[in-house]
Amino acid sequence: MLKLKRSVLAMPGSNARALEKGKSLPADVLMFELEDGVAEGAKEIARQQVAQAVAGGGYGPRQIVVRLNTRGSEWYKADMAEIAPTGPDAIVIPKVNSREEILRAAADLVAAGAPMKTRLWAMIETPRALFDIEKIASAANDPASRLEVLVLGPNDIAKSTRARLTSGRAPLLSWLSSGVLAARVHNIEIIDGIYNDFNDEKGLRLEAEQGRDMGFDGKMLIHPSQIGPVNQIFAPSAEEIEFARKIITIFDRPENADKGVVQIDGVMVERLHIDVAQRVLDLMAATA
């Protein structure tokens, strides 16, 4: 069954109460944070708490991923050595800049004793990564890379490019689109970045709808209050589900077996839309 990634909630590993609360939150994915969300003085305790939380389980159907500190930092080796053997669903590598970095991180994952189920997610946060995003995504063609997901980091992108995070994200749209294209070329998923103002539900909804319409598979979040709206937005609507069922039903009729195009409710629908309709129904099944 399709594994949903509508909502990816970042939770600081230094906050034991937050890690425990995650067991009751309706997020599709919990991202336990060892990097930006943790102060330098709390790195070791965060690592220990996250390792215990992952090993202890109790998170039900939620996917558990852990964002390590950047490769080459003073904390990375210890992060990988302690977290990988606990078997999270994925290890998240921040600030990836090249395909080679993906392959090296994957080798680190294996050397640390991660089980086969543990995949790799790559954070795209720098100008170099934006230039080479298709090359980075191409690492997924090598099964040894374990690359499953790209995650766009608008805050870091804006900082490093001096672009402004304006309403509607016009300065970032070309980069966001290039990420979606790269993910689709290499058949992996891609997650949109966070919306900073967790008190602004209207703004969150607008940005989540924009990301959904661009082709993102979900959105990274920073507060539990953002989960409900984002889960709803990245799930198919009742109207989409009804129309998807009609597409499959009508093309399944014997009289339409040789037709490439049919008319449904006044809309011309091509046979290629069967795949789109099937994904809608798969999403519906997964959300159920």
Protein backbone atom coordinates (compact mmCIF):
# COMPACT_ATOMS: atom_id res chain seq x y z
CA MET A 1 0.00 0.00 0.00
CA LEU A 2 1.04 3.58 -0.69
CA LYS A 3 2.85 5.15 2.29
CA LEU A 4 1.46 8.63 2.82
CA LYS A 5 3.79 11.54 3.42
CA ARG A 6 1.24 14.34 3.49
CA SER A 7 2.44 15.73 6.81
CA VAL A 8 6.06 15.50 7.98
CA LEU A 9 6.27 16.98 11.47
CA ALA A 10 9.73 18.04 12.69
CA MET A 11 10.21 17.36 16.42
CA PRO A 12 13.35 18.35 18.38
CA GLY A 13 15.10 15.28 19.74
CA SER A 14 16.07 17.22 22.84
CA ASN A 15 12.40 17.46 23.88
CA ALA A 16 11.47 14.11 25.44
CA ARG A 17 7.86 15.18 25.98
CA ALA A 18 7.47 16.03 22.29
CA LEU A 19 8.87 12.64 21.27
CA GLU A 20 6.31 10.93 23.49
CA LYS A 21 3.47 13.17 22.29
CA GLY A 22 4.25 12.12 18.74
CA LYS A 23 2.65 8.74 19.49
CA SER A 24 -0.77 10.40 19.55
CA LEU A 25 -0.42 12.93 16.72
CA PRO A 26 -2.09 12.28 13.32
CA ALA A 27 1.01 13.12 11.26
CA ASP A 28 1.93 10.67 8.52
CA VAL A 29 5.64 11.12 9.30
CA LEU A 30 7.49 12.22 12.43
CA MET A 31 10.93 13.68 11.75
CA PHE A 32 13.01 13.48 14.92
CA GLU A 33 15.44 16.36 14.72
CA LEU A 34 19.13 16.30 15.67
CA GLU A 35 20.27 19.20 13.47
CA ASP A 36 18.92 22.77 13.33
CA GLY A 37 16.22 22.22 15.94
CA VAL A 38 18.73 21.22 18.63
CA ALA A 39 21.21 23.54 20.38
CA GLU A 40 24.87 22.47 20.34
CA GLY A 41 24.86 21.80 24.06
CA ALA A 42 21.91 19.43 23.73
CA LYS A 43 23.17 17.34 20.79
CA GLU A 44 24.22 14.31 22.85
CA ILE A 45 21.07 14.07 24.97
CA ALA A 46 18.96 14.54 21.84
CA ARG A 47 20.79 11.68 20.12
CA GLN A 48 20.28 9.39 23.11
CA GLN A 49 16.60 10.25 23.45
CA VAL A 50 15.89 9.76 19.76
CA ALA A 51 17.70 6.41 19.69
CA GLN A 52 15.63 5.25 22.67
CA ALA A 53 12.40 6.52 21.12
CA VAL A 54 13.02 4.79 17.77
CA ALA A 55 14.10 1.54 19.40
CA GLY A 56 11.18 1.65 21.84
CA GLY A 57 8.56 2.06 19.12
CA GLY A 58 4.92 2.61 19.93
CA TYR A 59 4.31 5.03 17.04
CA GLY A 60 1.80 2.84 15.21
CA PRO A 61 1.48 3.46 11.47
CA ARG A 62 3.46 6.71 11.60
CA GLN A 63 6.71 6.67 9.66
CA ILE A 64 9.68 7.63 11.81
CA VAL A 65 12.60 9.42 10.18
CA VAL A 66 15.60 11.02 11.86
CA ARG A 67 17.44 14.07 10.57
CA LEU A 68 21.12 13.81 11.46
CA ASN A 69 23.61 16.64 11.67
CA THR A 70 25.39 17.50 8.43
CA ARG A 71 27.89 15.02 7.08
CA GLY A 72 31.33 16.25 8.09
CA SER A 73 30.11 17.94 11.27
CA GLU A 74 31.53 16.87 14.62
CA TRP A 75 28.27 15.09 15.48
CA TYR A 76 27.57 13.18 12.28
CA LYS A 77 29.52 9.97 12.92
CA ALA A 78 28.07 9.54 16.40
CA ASP A 79 24.58 10.32 15.08
CA MET A 80 24.86 7.67 12.38
CA ALA A 81 26.44 5.09 14.67
CA GLU A 82 23.75 5.41 17.33
CA ILE A 83 20.63 6.01 15.21
CA ALA A 84 21.08 3.74 12.17
CA PRO A 85 21.00 0.41 14.05
CA THR A 86 17.67 1.31 15.69
CA GLY A 87 16.01 0.97 12.29
CA PRO A 88 14.03 4.15 11.61
CA ASP A 89 12.06 4.26 8.37
CA ALA A 90 14.60 6.71 7.01
CA ILE A 91 17.68 8.73 7.84
CA VAL A 92 17.52 12.35 6.64
CA ILE A 93 20.77 13.93 5.46
CA PRO A 94 20.72 17.75 5.56
CA LYS A 95 22.33 20.10 3.05
CA VAL A 96 23.13 17.51 0.41
CA ASN A 97 25.07 19.04 -2.48
CA SER A 98 25.85 16.16 -4.84
CA ARG A 99 25.00 12.66 -5.99
CA GLU A 100 28.27 11.45 -4.51
CA GLU A 101 27.24 12.68 -1.05
CA ILE A 102 24.11 10.53 -1.29
CA LEU A 103 26.16 7.43 -2.11
CA ARG A 104 28.64 8.14 0.68
CA ALA A 105 25.84 8.60 3.20
CA ALA A 106 24.26 5.35 2.03
CA ALA A 107 27.58 3.57 2.59
CA ASP A 108 27.72 5.09 6.08
CA LEU A 109 24.21 3.77 6.69
CA VAL A 110 25.21 0.23 5.77
CA ALA A 111 28.46 0.38 7.74
CA ALA A 112 26.53 1.51 10.83
CA GLY A 113 24.28 -1.54 10.64
CA ALA A 114 21.00 -0.03 9.46
CA PRO A 115 18.43 -2.64 8.43
CA MET A 116 17.36 -2.86 4.78
CA LYS A 117 14.05 -1.08 5.51
CA THR A 118 15.85 2.13 6.47
CA ARG A 119 15.87 4.46 3.48
CA LEU A 120 17.60 7.77 2.80
CA TRP A 121 16.01 11.22 2.49
CA ALA A 122 17.99 14.19 1.15
CA MET A 123 17.45 17.80 2.18
CA ILE A 124 17.85 20.28 -0.69
CA GLU A 125 18.87 23.57 0.93
CA THR A 126 21.74 25.18 -0.98
CA PRO A 127 22.36 26.91 -4.33
CA ARG A 128 24.67 24.06 -5.38
CA ALA A 129 21.96 21.49 -4.64
CA LEU A 130 19.43 23.51 -6.64
CA PHE A 131 21.78 23.60 -9.64
CA ASP A 132 22.43 19.85 -9.43
CA ILE A 133 19.07 18.61 -8.15
CA GLU A 134 18.48 16.26 -11.09
CA LYS A 135 21.92 14.71 -10.60
CA ILE A 136 21.21 14.31 -6.89
CA ALA A 137 17.86 12.67 -7.60
CA SER A 138 19.54 10.35 -10.11
CA ALA A 139 21.26 8.57 -7.21
CA ALA A 140 17.92 6.79 -6.74
CA ASN A 141 18.72 4.79 -9.90
CA ASP A 142 21.38 2.98 -7.86
CA PRO A 143 19.59 0.67 -5.39
CA ALA A 144 22.56 0.96 -3.05
CA SER A 145 21.72 4.64 -2.50
CA ARG A 146 18.43 3.82 -0.73
CA LEU A 147 17.29 7.31 -1.82
CA GLU A 148 13.53 7.60 -1.41
CA VAL A 149 12.64 11.26 -0.86
CA LEU A 150 13.84 14.81 -1.49
CA VAL A 151 12.88 17.52 1.01
CA LEU A 152 13.02 21.18 -0.03
CA GLY A 153 14.21 23.62 2.64
CA PRO A 154 12.90 27.10 1.71
CA ASN A 155 14.33 28.83 4.79
CA ASP A 156 17.89 27.75 4.05
CA ILE A 157 17.41 28.35 0.32
CA ALA A 158 16.19 31.89 0.99
CA LYS A 159 19.08 32.54 3.36
CA SER A 160 21.75 31.33 0.96
CA THR A 161 20.31 32.98 -2.16
CA ARG A 162 19.04 36.18 -0.48
CA ALA A 163 15.63 35.53 -2.01
CA ARG A 164 12.71 36.83 0.02
CA LEU A 165 10.05 34.49 1.41
CA THR A 166 7.12 36.51 0.13
CA SER A 167 3.47 35.50 0.09
CA GLY A 168 3.01 33.18 -2.85
CA ARG A 169 6.77 32.37 -2.88
CA ALA A 170 7.29 33.88 -6.35
CA PRO A 171 11.10 34.12 -5.93
CA LEU A 172 11.30 30.38 -5.19
CA LEU A 173 8.81 28.92 -7.67
CA SER A 174 11.30 27.95 -10.38
CA TRP A 175 13.44 26.12 -7.83
CA LEU A 176 10.47 24.34 -6.31
CA SER A 177 9.33 23.22 -9.76
CA SER A 178 12.79 21.95 -10.67
CA GLY A 179 12.70 19.79 -7.55
CA VAL A 180 9.38 18.25 -8.52
CA LEU A 181 10.66 17.56 -12.05
CA ALA A 182 13.81 15.89 -10.73
CA ALA A 183 11.82 13.71 -8.35
CA ARG A 184 9.43 12.60 -11.09
CA VAL A 185 12.23 11.85 -13.57
CA HIS A 186 13.79 9.45 -11.07
CA ASN A 187 10.57 8.10 -9.55
CA ILE A 188 11.04 9.30 -5.98
CA GLU A 189 8.89 11.49 -3.75
CA ILE A 190 9.38 15.11 -2.78
CA ILE A 191 8.27 17.08 0.27
CA ASP A 192 7.64 20.83 0.34
CA GLY A 193 9.25 22.91 3.08
CA ILE A 194 7.80 24.44 6.22
CA TYR A 195 5.45 27.39 6.59
CA ASN A 196 6.96 29.40 9.43
CA ASP A 197 3.93 31.16 10.94
CA PHE A 198 2.11 28.30 12.69
CA ASN A 199 -0.54 30.73 13.95
CA ASP A 200 -1.55 31.64 10.38
CA GLU A 201 -3.77 28.79 9.20
CA LYS A 202 -5.00 30.71 6.17
CA GLY A 203 -1.46 31.30 4.95
CA LEU A 204 -0.55 27.69 5.65
CA ARG A 205 -3.50 26.43 3.63
CA LEU A 206 -2.67 28.66 0.67
CA GLU A 207 0.95 27.52 0.63
CA ALA A 208 0.04 23.84 1.10
CA GLU A 209 -2.48 24.07 -1.76
CA GLN A 210 0.20 25.66 -3.91
CA GLY A 211 2.63 22.84 -3.11
CA ARG A 212 0.01 20.19 -3.79
CA ASP A 213 -0.91 21.78 -7.11
CA MET A 214 2.77 21.91 -8.10
CA GLY A 215 3.08 18.17 -7.54
CA PHE A 216 4.62 17.83 -4.07
CA ASP A 217 3.71 14.70 -2.10
CA GLY A 218 3.44 16.45 1.26
CA LYS A 219 4.72 19.27 3.43
CA MET A 220 7.17 19.57 6.29
CA LEU A 221 5.62 21.07 9.44
CA ILE A 222 6.88 22.67 12.64
CA HIS A 223 3.78 22.58 14.87
CA PRO A 224 1.08 19.97 15.58
CA SER A 225 -1.65 22.51 14.74
CA GLN A 226 -0.51 22.36 11.11
CA ILE A 227 -1.14 18.61 10.73
CA GLY A 228 -4.93 18.66 10.23
CA PRO A 229 -5.07 21.29 7.49
CA VAL A 230 -2.15 19.77 5.57
CA ASN A 231 -3.50 16.21 5.81
CA GLN A 232 -6.78 17.45 4.39
CA ILE A 233 -5.19 19.42 1.56
CA PHE A 234 -2.92 16.60 0.40
CA ALA A 235 -5.76 14.06 0.46
CA PRO A 236 -8.12 13.74 -2.52
CA SER A 237 -11.45 15.54 -2.21
CA ALA A 238 -14.81 13.77 -2.48
CA GLU A 239 -15.27 15.29 -5.93
CA GLU A 240 -11.86 14.02 -7.11
CA ILE A 241 -12.63 10.53 -5.81
CA GLU A 242 -16.02 10.43 -7.53
CA PHE A 243 -14.55 11.58 -10.85
CA ALA A 244 -11.66 9.10 -10.59
CA ARG A 245 -14.13 6.26 -10.12
CA LYS A 246 -16.07 7.42 -13.17
CA ILE A 247 -12.92 7.46 -15.30
CA ILE A 248 -12.00 3.90 -14.42
CA THR A 249 -15.57 2.61 -14.68
CA ILE A 250 -16.22 4.17 -18.09
CA PHE A 251 -12.92 3.04 -19.63
CA ASP A 252 -13.61 -0.48 -18.30
CA ARG A 253 -16.80 -0.74 -20.35
CA PRO A 254 -16.45 -3.11 -23.34
CA GLU A 255 -17.68 -0.48 -25.79
CA ASN A 256 -14.80 1.81 -24.75
CA ALA A 257 -12.04 -0.81 -24.96
CA ASP A 258 -10.57 0.69 -28.13
CA LYS A 259 -11.19 4.35 -27.33
CA GLY A 260 -8.37 6.70 -26.44
CA VAL A 261 -10.71 9.53 -25.43
CA VAL A 262 -14.15 9.58 -23.82
CA GLN A 263 -16.48 12.30 -22.58
CA ILE A 264 -17.34 12.35 -18.89
CA ASP A 265 -19.61 15.03 -17.46
CA GLY A 266 -18.83 17.29 -20.41
CA VAL A 267 -15.07 16.85 -20.03
CA MET A 268 -12.84 15.11 -22.58
CA VAL A 269 -10.81 12.47 -20.74
CA GLU A 270 -7.88 10.60 -22.30
CA ARG A 271 -6.83 7.05 -21.50
CA LEU A 272 -3.69 8.42 -19.85
CA HIS A 273 -5.93 9.82 -17.11
CA ILE A 274 -6.58 6.28 -15.90
CA ASP A 275 -3.20 6.36 -14.12
CA VAL A 276 -4.07 9.71 -12.54
CA ALA A 277 -7.44 8.35 -11.41
CA GLN A 278 -5.86 5.22 -9.97
CA ARG A 279 -3.45 7.30 -7.89
CA VAL A 280 -6.41 9.27 -6.51
CA LEU A 281 -8.04 6.01 -5.44
CA ASP A 282 -4.77 4.75 -3.97
CA LEU A 283 -4.49 7.94 -1.94
CA MET A 284 -8.08 7.50 -0.79
CA ALA A 285 -7.36 3.93 0.33
CA ALA A 286 -4.22 5.00 2.18
CA THR A 287 -5.96 7.86 3.99
CA ALA A 288 -8.75 5.49 5.06
